Amino acid sequence: MVMIDNLANKRAAFAYKEISKLNEQMLQNYRSLVRSFSAMILNNGYGLAIAFLYSKKDGNNQHKFLYQHIEEWLKKQNFLKDQSKDLMTNITESDNDYYRFLEAETLSLLEWLKRFTEGICTGKRGGKA
């Protein structure tokens, strides 16, 4: 069977690979954050939500990993206009259309991150939600 090489499949593969790297304790913390992050974007705006992650990304925590996952995905797909700069800088230097594009792409990635986080967490607890 040949997998269709489309963006949704690439998002899914990337999300699964990254989520699979997290240890069980980090996965629980990450799960809580990723469950609510789409709503945070929609309620507060993309820039403020990413700035929230950015401000809390020092150390080995779920905020750091989610920021890295989003940034790495956007860089890997060449979606950041200036690859030499970080995600936060690209957002602050973006026009409205580019900002909306980044927001939409991040929301699409978050759906896969949530699905795999929920699946792995549920699977580790024997199917209990």
Protein backbone atom coordinates (compact mmCIF):
# COMPACT_ATOMS: atom_id res chain seq x y z
CA MET A 1 0.00 0.00 0.00
CA VAL A 2 1.37 3.40 -0.97
CA MET A 3 0.67 6.32 1.35
CA ILE A 4 -0.43 9.46 -0.40
CA ASP A 5 2.22 12.09 0.20
CA ASN A 6 0.02 14.98 1.27
CA LEU A 7 0.24 17.60 3.96
CA ALA A 8 -2.25 15.95 6.31
CA ASN A 9 -0.28 12.69 6.23
CA LYS A 10 2.95 14.58 6.85
CA ARG A 11 1.37 16.35 9.83
CA ALA A 12 0.18 13.03 11.23
CA ALA A 13 3.57 11.35 10.82
CA PHE A 14 5.38 14.31 12.39
CA ALA A 15 2.96 14.50 15.34
CA TYR A 16 3.16 10.77 16.04
CA LYS A 17 6.96 10.78 15.91
CA GLU A 18 7.25 13.75 18.29
CA ILE A 19 4.60 12.57 20.77
CA SER A 20 6.20 9.11 20.89
CA LYS A 21 9.43 10.67 22.20
CA LEU A 22 7.82 12.06 25.37
CA ASN A 23 8.14 10.14 28.63
CA GLU A 24 4.99 9.21 30.54
CA GLN A 25 5.09 12.10 33.05
CA MET A 26 5.82 14.69 30.34
CA LEU A 27 3.09 13.17 28.20
CA GLN A 28 0.50 13.78 30.94
CA ASN A 29 1.56 17.43 31.31
CA TYR A 30 1.72 17.88 27.54
CA ARG A 31 -1.74 16.33 27.17
CA SER A 32 -3.27 18.92 29.46
CA LEU A 33 -1.64 21.78 27.54
CA VAL A 34 -2.33 20.50 24.04
CA ARG A 35 -5.98 19.83 24.89
CA SER A 36 -6.56 23.51 25.65
CA PHE A 37 -4.11 25.22 23.31
CA SER A 38 -6.39 25.47 20.26
CA ALA A 39 -8.99 27.24 22.41
CA MET A 40 -6.27 29.53 23.76
CA ILE A 41 -5.38 30.51 20.18
CA LEU A 42 -9.01 31.10 19.23
CA ASN A 43 -9.82 33.06 22.41
CA ASN A 44 -6.65 35.13 22.80
CA GLY A 45 -5.17 35.26 19.32
CA TYR A 46 -2.33 33.33 17.73
CA GLY A 47 0.45 35.73 18.65
CA LEU A 48 -0.51 35.89 22.33
CA ALA A 49 -0.89 32.13 22.59
CA ILE A 50 2.53 31.49 21.03
CA ALA A 51 4.01 34.24 23.23
CA PHE A 52 2.61 32.36 26.24
CA LEU A 53 4.49 29.21 25.19
CA TYR A 54 7.57 31.24 24.37
CA SER A 55 7.61 32.86 27.82
CA LYS A 56 7.41 29.47 29.56
CA LYS A 57 9.74 27.46 27.33
CA ASP A 58 12.84 27.60 29.53
CA GLY A 59 13.52 24.29 31.18
CA ASN A 60 12.28 20.82 30.38
CA ASN A 61 8.52 21.35 30.35
CA GLN A 62 5.44 20.84 28.20
CA HIS A 63 5.46 24.48 27.03
CA LYS A 64 8.96 24.07 25.63
CA PHE A 65 8.00 20.88 23.79
CA LEU A 66 4.81 22.29 22.29
CA TYR A 67 6.62 25.45 21.14
CA GLN A 68 9.38 23.29 19.64
CA HIS A 69 6.90 20.99 17.91
CA ILE A 70 5.07 23.89 16.29
CA GLU A 71 8.26 25.69 15.30
CA GLU A 72 9.96 22.54 14.00
CA TRP A 73 6.92 21.62 11.91
CA LEU A 74 6.68 25.07 10.34
CA LYS A 75 10.42 25.12 9.61
CA LYS A 76 10.43 21.58 8.24
CA GLN A 77 7.70 22.52 5.75
CA ASN A 78 9.45 25.81 4.87
CA PHE A 79 6.43 27.73 6.14
CA LEU A 80 8.50 30.26 8.08
CA LYS A 81 9.44 33.14 5.80
CA ASP A 82 12.78 33.63 7.53
CA GLN A 83 14.16 30.21 8.47
CA SER A 84 17.07 31.80 10.31
CA LYS A 85 14.70 33.35 12.86
CA ASP A 86 12.54 31.64 15.46
CA LEU A 87 8.77 31.28 15.29
CA MET A 88 8.07 34.20 17.62
CA THR A 89 10.16 36.56 15.49
CA ASN A 90 8.46 35.38 12.30
CA ILE A 91 5.08 36.07 13.89
CA THR A 92 6.02 39.56 15.05
CA GLU A 93 7.33 40.41 11.58
CA SER A 94 4.37 38.99 9.66
CA ASP A 95 1.62 40.68 7.70
CA ASN A 96 -2.02 39.74 8.29
CA ASP A 97 -2.24 37.08 5.56
CA TYR A 98 0.94 35.32 6.69
CA TYR A 99 -0.15 35.51 10.34
CA ARG A 100 -3.48 33.84 9.46
CA PHE A 101 -1.67 31.18 7.45
CA LEU A 102 0.60 30.33 10.41
CA GLU A 103 -2.41 30.25 12.71
CA ALA A 104 -4.35 27.87 10.43
CA GLU A 105 -1.37 25.57 9.95
CA THR A 106 -0.69 25.46 13.68
CA LEU A 107 -4.34 24.63 14.43
CA SER A 108 -4.17 21.79 11.89
CA LEU A 109 -1.02 20.41 13.50
CA LEU A 110 -2.57 20.70 16.96
CA GLU A 111 -5.41 18.38 15.92
CA TRP A 112 -2.90 15.62 15.22
CA LEU A 113 -0.88 16.35 18.35
CA LYS A 114 -4.07 16.10 20.42
CA ARG A 115 -5.20 12.87 18.75
CA PHE A 116 -1.92 11.09 19.30
CA THR A 117 -1.46 12.41 22.82
CA GLU A 118 -4.94 11.19 23.77
CA GLY A 119 -4.37 7.86 22.04
CA ILE A 120 -1.05 7.17 23.70
CA CYS A 121 -2.26 8.30 27.15
CA THR A 122 -5.44 6.22 26.86
CA GLY A 123 -3.47 3.22 25.61
CA LYS A 124 -1.06 3.37 28.55
CA ARG A 125 -3.97 3.27 30.99
CA GLY A 126 -5.56 0.22 29.48
CA GLY A 127 -8.20 2.07 27.47
CA LYS A 128 -9.61 4.16 30.31
CA ALA A 129 -10.24 7.80 29.43
